[in-house]
Protein backbone atom coordinates (compact mmCIF):
# COMPACT_ATOMS: atom_id res chain seq x y z
CA UNK A 1 182.23 168.32 94.04
CA UNK A 2 178.90 167.39 95.39
CA UNK A 3 178.75 165.40 98.48
CA UNK A 4 176.38 162.78 97.20
CA UNK A 5 174.16 162.04 94.35
CA UNK A 6 170.56 162.65 95.57
CA UNK A 7 167.30 162.12 93.82
CA UNK A 8 163.79 161.28 94.82
CA UNK A 9 164.74 157.65 94.84
CA UNK A 10 167.86 157.15 96.71
CA UNK A 11 171.25 158.50 98.52
CA UNK A 12 174.34 157.44 96.69
CA UNK A 13 177.53 158.31 98.62
CA UNK A 14 180.22 160.07 96.41
CA UNK A 15 183.95 160.32 97.04
CA UNK A 16 185.30 163.86 97.54
CA UNK A 17 188.88 164.98 96.77
CA UNK A 18 188.68 166.85 100.14
CA UNK A 19 188.78 163.39 101.83
CA UNK A 20 192.54 163.29 100.99
CA UNK A 21 193.51 166.33 103.10
CA UNK A 22 195.62 165.93 106.19
CA UNK A 23 192.58 166.34 108.57
CA UNK A 24 191.22 162.95 107.33
CA UNK A 25 194.51 161.03 107.58
CA UNK A 26 193.75 159.74 111.05
CA UNK A 27 190.41 158.61 109.74
CA UNK A 28 192.13 156.78 106.82
CA UNK A 29 194.51 154.98 109.32
CA UNK A 30 191.52 153.72 111.24
CA UNK A 31 189.82 152.59 108.12
CA UNK A 32 192.82 150.87 106.97
CA UNK A 33 193.37 149.03 110.40
CA UNK A 34 189.68 147.82 110.14
CA UNK A 35 190.18 146.65 106.58
CA UNK A 36 193.56 144.94 107.61
CA UNK A 37 191.83 143.12 110.61
CA UNK A 38 189.16 141.70 108.11
CA UNK A 39 191.86 139.43 106.76
CA UNK A 40 192.83 138.10 110.12
CA UNK A 41 191.10 134.89 111.28
CA UNK A 42 188.27 135.67 113.50
CA UNK A 43 189.59 133.39 116.11
CA UNK A 44 192.71 135.38 116.45
CA UNK A 45 191.26 138.96 116.13
CA UNK A 46 188.16 138.61 118.33
CA UNK A 47 190.03 138.48 121.61
CA UNK A 48 192.24 141.46 120.66
CA UNK A 49 189.17 143.48 119.39
CA UNK A 50 187.22 142.49 122.53
CA UNK A 51 190.00 143.82 124.73
CA UNK A 52 190.46 146.87 122.60
CA UNK A 53 186.74 147.47 122.86
CA UNK A 54 186.34 147.04 126.59
CA UNK A 55 189.44 149.44 127.10
CA UNK A 56 187.87 152.22 124.87
CA UNK A 57 184.69 151.77 126.83
CA UNK A 58 186.31 152.92 129.92
CA UNK A 59 187.59 156.06 128.27
CA UNK A 60 184.38 156.85 126.33
CA UNK A 61 182.91 158.59 129.40
CA UNK A 62 179.66 160.19 127.83
CA UNK A 63 178.73 156.95 125.78
CA UNK A 64 179.35 154.91 128.91
CA UNK A 65 177.30 157.14 130.90
CA UNK A 66 174.32 157.02 128.50
CA UNK A 67 174.63 153.13 128.74
CA UNK A 68 174.68 153.26 132.46
CA UNK A 69 171.65 155.51 132.60
CA UNK A 70 169.57 153.36 130.14
CA UNK A 71 170.31 150.15 131.91
CA UNK A 72 169.45 151.71 135.31
CA UNK A 73 166.07 152.50 133.88
CA UNK A 74 165.51 149.53 131.75
CA UNK A 75 166.84 146.69 134.00
CA UNK A 76 166.92 147.98 137.70
CA UNK A 77 166.48 144.55 138.70
CA UNK A 78 169.99 143.85 137.90
CA UNK A 79 172.85 144.46 140.26
CA UNK A 80 175.09 147.38 139.48
CA UNK A 81 178.10 144.83 138.70
CA UNK A 82 175.91 142.85 136.19
CA UNK A 83 174.91 146.00 134.42
CA UNK A 84 178.58 147.04 134.06
CA UNK A 85 179.49 143.75 132.57
CA UNK A 86 176.79 144.15 130.04
CA UNK A 87 178.35 147.59 129.15
CA UNK A 88 181.75 146.15 128.92
CA UNK A 89 180.64 143.26 126.72
CA UNK A 90 178.74 145.91 124.51
CA UNK A 91 181.93 147.79 124.01
CA UNK A 92 183.68 144.36 123.11
CA UNK A 93 180.91 143.31 120.66
CA UNK A 94 181.01 146.66 118.73
CA UNK A 95 184.40 146.40 116.96
CA UNK A 96 183.95 142.66 116.51
CA UNK A 97 180.58 143.19 114.60
CA UNK A 98 182.22 146.33 112.60
CA UNK A 99 185.14 144.21 111.40
CA UNK A 100 182.94 141.50 110.43
CA UNK A 101 181.02 143.95 108.41
CA UNK A 102 184.26 145.09 106.66
CA UNK A 103 185.12 141.38 106.10
CA UNK A 104 181.69 140.79 104.37
CA UNK A 105 182.44 143.78 102.12
CA UNK A 106 185.96 142.40 101.27
CA UNK A 107 185.52 138.69 101.46
CA UNK A 108 181.93 137.91 100.99
CA UNK A 109 182.16 134.18 100.15
CA UNK A 110 184.49 133.46 103.14
CA UNK A 111 182.28 135.60 105.55
CA UNK A 112 178.75 134.08 104.45
CA UNK A 113 180.13 130.60 105.87
CA UNK A 114 179.91 131.98 109.34
CA UNK A 115 176.50 133.62 109.10
CA UNK A 116 173.70 131.36 110.41
CA UNK A 117 170.17 132.16 109.95
CA UNK A 118 167.41 130.92 112.54
CA UNK A 119 163.91 130.50 111.05
CA UNK A 120 165.05 131.39 107.39
CA UNK A 121 161.89 129.66 106.14
CA UNK A 122 159.84 132.70 107.35
CA UNK A 123 161.37 134.93 104.83
CA UNK A 124 161.87 132.06 102.19
CA UNK A 125 158.13 131.70 102.15
CA UNK A 126 157.51 135.53 101.70
CA UNK A 127 159.86 135.56 98.84
CA UNK A 128 158.19 132.38 97.24
CA UNK A 129 154.77 134.06 97.79
CA UNK A 130 156.06 137.34 96.27
CA UNK A 131 155.22 139.11 99.35
CA UNK A 132 156.62 142.63 100.24
CA UNK A 133 158.56 142.53 103.49
CA UNK A 134 159.61 145.11 106.14
CA UNK A 135 162.13 143.93 108.62
CA UNK A 136 161.72 145.25 112.18
CA UNK A 137 165.36 145.50 113.47
CA UNK A 138 166.43 146.74 116.86
CA UNK A 139 169.50 148.71 117.04
CA UNK A 140 172.25 146.10 117.28
CA UNK A 141 175.85 146.48 116.49
CA UNK A 142 175.78 144.11 113.71
CA UNK A 143 172.58 145.56 112.34
CA UNK A 144 173.66 146.21 108.85
CA UNK A 145 175.07 142.70 107.97
CA UNK A 146 171.82 140.79 107.36
CA UNK A 147 170.67 143.35 104.76
CA UNK A 148 174.12 143.14 103.06
CA UNK A 149 173.84 139.42 103.04
CA UNK A 150 170.40 139.44 101.47
CA UNK A 151 171.56 141.92 98.82
CA UNK A 152 174.48 139.66 98.06
CA UNK A 153 172.13 136.94 97.33
CA UNK A 154 170.08 139.16 94.77
CA UNK A 155 167.31 140.22 97.15
CA UNK A 156 166.59 143.98 96.52
CA UNK A 157 167.01 145.78 99.89
CA UNK A 158 166.01 149.46 100.84
CA UNK A 159 166.84 151.09 104.32
CA UNK A 160 166.63 154.51 106.02
CA UNK A 161 169.66 156.02 107.78
CA UNK A 162 170.98 158.99 109.49
CA UNK A 163 174.16 160.73 108.02
CA UNK A 164 177.20 160.71 110.26
CA UNK A 165 178.90 163.88 111.27
CA UNK A 166 182.26 162.98 109.76
CA UNK A 167 181.89 163.20 105.98
CA UNK A 168 184.61 160.67 105.22
CA UNK A 169 183.22 158.13 107.69
CA UNK A 170 179.67 158.75 106.47
CA UNK A 171 180.89 158.06 102.77
CA UNK A 172 182.80 154.92 103.74
CA UNK A 173 180.01 153.49 105.99
CA UNK A 174 177.24 154.00 103.39
CA UNK A 175 179.64 152.84 100.49
CA UNK A 176 180.00 149.50 102.36
CA UNK A 177 176.36 149.30 103.29
CA UNK A 178 175.73 149.46 99.36
CA UNK A 179 178.44 147.04 98.49
CA UNK A 180 176.03 144.55 96.99
CA UNK A 181 173.49 146.99 95.74
CA UNK A 182 170.16 148.19 97.42
CA UNK A 183 168.85 151.69 98.05
CA UNK A 184 169.75 154.00 100.87
CA UNK A 185 167.18 156.61 102.04
CA UNK A 186 168.42 159.47 104.12
CA UNK A 187 165.85 160.25 107.04
CA UNK A 188 166.10 164.07 106.23
CA UNK A 189 164.28 163.24 102.90
CA UNK A 190 161.31 161.83 104.66
CA UNK A 191 159.64 158.50 104.62
CA UNK A 192 158.11 158.67 101.10
CA UNK A 193 161.09 157.17 99.10
CA UNK A 194 161.37 154.38 101.44
CA UNK A 195 157.58 153.51 101.00
CA UNK A 196 158.08 153.79 97.23
CA UNK A 197 160.93 151.41 97.24
CA UNK A 198 159.02 148.77 99.30
CA UNK A 199 155.95 148.91 97.04
CA UNK A 200 158.44 148.43 94.10
CA UNK A 201 159.37 145.06 95.63
CA UNK A 202 162.44 146.04 97.68
CA UNK A 203 162.60 144.49 101.18
CA UNK A 204 162.46 147.37 103.86
CA UNK A 205 164.89 147.58 106.81
CA UNK A 206 163.19 149.56 109.58
CA UNK A 207 164.81 150.36 112.95
CA UNK A 208 162.07 150.92 115.60
CA UNK A 209 163.76 152.04 118.60
CA UNK A 210 164.99 155.56 118.04
CA UNK A 211 163.63 158.63 119.78
CA UNK A 212 161.80 160.77 117.37
CA UNK A 213 160.14 163.15 120.09
CA UNK A 214 156.73 163.27 121.44
CA UNK A 215 154.65 164.88 118.61
CA UNK A 216 153.83 161.73 116.86
CA UNK A 217 154.89 159.24 119.44
CA UNK A 218 153.23 157.04 121.97
CA UNK A 219 154.52 156.76 125.58
CA UNK A 220 154.40 152.82 126.18
CA UNK A 221 156.40 150.49 128.35
CA UNK A 222 159.97 149.61 127.41
CA UNK A 223 161.66 147.06 129.50
CA UNK A 224 161.11 148.57 133.17
CA UNK A 225 160.63 152.05 132.12
CA UNK A 226 158.56 153.77 129.15
CA UNK A 227 159.61 155.21 126.01
CA UNK A 228 158.39 157.53 123.16
CA UNK A 229 157.76 155.14 120.41
CA UNK A 230 156.71 156.05 116.90
CA UNK A 231 153.96 153.57 115.83
CA UNK A 232 154.99 153.97 112.25
CA UNK A 233 155.10 150.15 111.32
CA UNK A 234 151.47 149.73 111.42
CA UNK A 235 150.97 152.58 108.79
CA UNK A 236 153.89 151.12 106.68
CA UNK A 237 152.29 147.66 106.64
CA UNK A 238 149.24 149.19 105.08
CA UNK A 239 150.60 151.54 102.71
CA UNK A 240 153.46 149.27 101.48
CA UNK A 241 151.03 146.22 101.71
CA UNK A 242 153.93 144.38 103.38
CA UNK A 243 154.43 141.75 106.29
CA UNK A 244 156.58 142.94 109.08
CA UNK A 245 159.21 140.30 110.08
CA UNK A 246 161.32 141.04 113.35
CA UNK A 247 165.00 140.45 112.89
CA UNK A 248 168.15 140.77 115.14
CA UNK A 249 171.67 140.01 114.55
CA UNK A 250 173.76 138.36 117.38
CA UNK A 251 177.55 138.29 117.07
CA UNK A 252 179.04 135.26 119.09
CA UNK A 253 182.65 135.87 119.87
CA UNK A 254 183.15 132.45 121.08
CA UNK A 255 181.92 130.64 117.74
CA UNK A 256 182.89 133.70 115.76
CA UNK A 257 179.68 133.61 113.83
CA UNK A 258 176.78 135.82 113.37
CA UNK A 259 173.33 134.43 114.34
CA UNK A 260 170.60 136.21 112.53
CA UNK A 261 167.43 135.60 114.53
CA UNK A 262 163.99 135.80 112.83
CA UNK A 263 160.60 135.92 114.45
CA UNK A 264 157.12 135.27 113.14
CA UNK A 265 155.53 138.13 111.00
CA UNK A 266 153.60 140.68 112.99
CA UNK A 267 150.33 140.09 111.16
CA UNK A 268 148.32 140.91 114.39
CA UNK A 269 149.06 144.61 113.89
CA UNK A 270 146.81 145.45 110.94
CA UNK A 271 143.92 146.63 112.87
CA UNK A 272 145.74 147.71 115.97
CA UNK A 273 145.55 151.23 117.42
CA UNK A 274 148.71 153.50 117.76
CA UNK A 275 149.21 152.62 121.42
CA UNK A 276 149.04 148.75 120.75
CA UNK A 277 151.49 149.16 117.75
CA UNK A 278 154.02 151.04 119.76
CA UNK A 279 153.89 148.44 122.61
CA UNK A 280 154.13 145.61 120.33
CA UNK A 281 157.11 147.00 118.55
CA UNK A 282 158.82 147.50 121.97
CA UNK A 283 157.90 144.01 123.00
CA UNK A 284 159.82 142.51 119.92
CA UNK A 285 162.78 144.55 120.91
CA UNK A 286 162.63 143.16 124.46
CA UNK A 287 162.18 139.60 123.25
CA UNK A 288 165.46 139.93 121.29
CA UNK A 289 167.62 142.04 123.49
CA UNK A 290 167.02 140.41 127.10
CA UNK A 291 168.83 137.25 126.18
CA UNK A 292 171.64 139.26 124.44
CA UNK A 293 171.81 142.65 126.13
CA UNK A 294 175.65 143.08 124.94
CA UNK A 295 174.44 143.11 121.39
CA UNK A 296 172.22 146.31 121.83
CA UNK A 297 173.41 149.94 121.33
CA UNK A 298 172.75 151.15 124.78
CA UNK A 299 174.80 154.26 124.11
CA UNK A 300 171.82 155.87 122.31
CA UNK A 301 169.63 158.36 123.88
CA UNK A 302 166.86 155.98 123.86
CA UNK A 303 164.90 157.71 126.67
CA UNK A 304 165.43 161.36 125.87
CA UNK A 305 161.70 162.28 125.42
CA UNK A 306 159.74 162.02 128.88
CA UNK A 307 156.32 162.67 129.87
CA UNK A 308 155.47 166.19 131.04
CA UNK A 309 156.99 166.67 134.49
CA UNK A 310 159.59 163.91 134.23
CA UNK A 311 163.26 164.94 134.05
CA UNK A 312 165.14 163.71 131.15
CA UNK A 313 167.39 160.82 132.45
CA UNK A 314 170.69 162.12 130.79
CA UNK A 315 170.26 165.46 132.60
CA UNK A 316 170.04 164.08 136.00
CA UNK A 317 173.04 165.09 137.85
CA UNK A 318 172.49 162.50 140.53
CA UNK A 319 173.01 159.58 138.10
CA UNK A 320 176.74 158.52 137.21
CA UNK A 321 178.10 162.06 137.80
CA UNK A 322 180.44 163.24 135.04
C-alpha cells in the first residue's frame, strides 16, 4: 500500500497495514497514552506531564546538549543555572502542549474554551477584507494548534512540513494536523504547491527559523549570535499577494490555557532587501521568544550553518562534552 496520497496539490497521510506489526506496538502504546491523557482534566494532568517531561529531559542527552549550546550562544548573558531552568521548563512544556493538541483533535469544543487569542482583530480584519494571509510562526511546542483551531472554524489553512522518520508517528501526527481540513505540503515537494494554495485563498503557515544552509540564506543577527536565515517571506508576500502576520502559541501550565499571540502585519517588508528581510524575521522570533523561552524548540540545530572559518557549535568538543 502506498505511504501517502501525493499530488501536485497536497500530501495526504494514508494508513498502512504494516503499522499493525509488532515493531510498532510500542508506538501504539505511546499514542494510546497520549489519547487517554487528553480526557484527563488539564489541572490534573499538567503537573504529571511536566514532571515526566523534566525527567525525560535529563535522559535525552543529545537533545539537551543541543538546547544547552543554543542557549549558550543565544543568551550568554543568563547564568548557567537560569539556562538550565529554561531547558527543564521546555521539556515540561513539550508534553503538555502535545496532549493539548490531541485533546483538540478528540474534544474540539471543550478544548477551544481554553484557547485565548490576543489581538485577534488583526486577522479578523484581514478576513473581512478578503486578504491573503501568511502566518510567520516560530517553532514553539504548540505550533500546530492555532492552525487547527482556525481550520475548525472554517478557515482554509495550508502548511509546509518535514516528514518524520517513524512512518507510523508521521501518519498519526499529520492525520491530527488535518483533523479539521486544510492542506499539508511536504517540503520535499518544493514551495510551489504552498504558494498555489495561498493564492487560492488558503491562509499559509510558515516557520521561519529552520536552518536551510548557506546557499540561499543571509547571515544575520539572531539573539546574541547570528544565524543563516532564509529571506523567503518577502518573496512569498509578493508572489502570494499576502500579508504576513507573526503568530506564536504559548502554553500556560498554571492556567492550563493556550495564549495565541498575534503581532501587526509586517507590511514594511515589501520593498526590503534580503538582509533586511532576514533580520526582521529573526526580530519577530526574538520578540516572541524572549518573554517565553521555555516555549521554543531549542533542541533544533538552529545554528548549524556558520560563516567560513567558524566552527559548527554542535561539533565543539569543549562545550557540554558528551
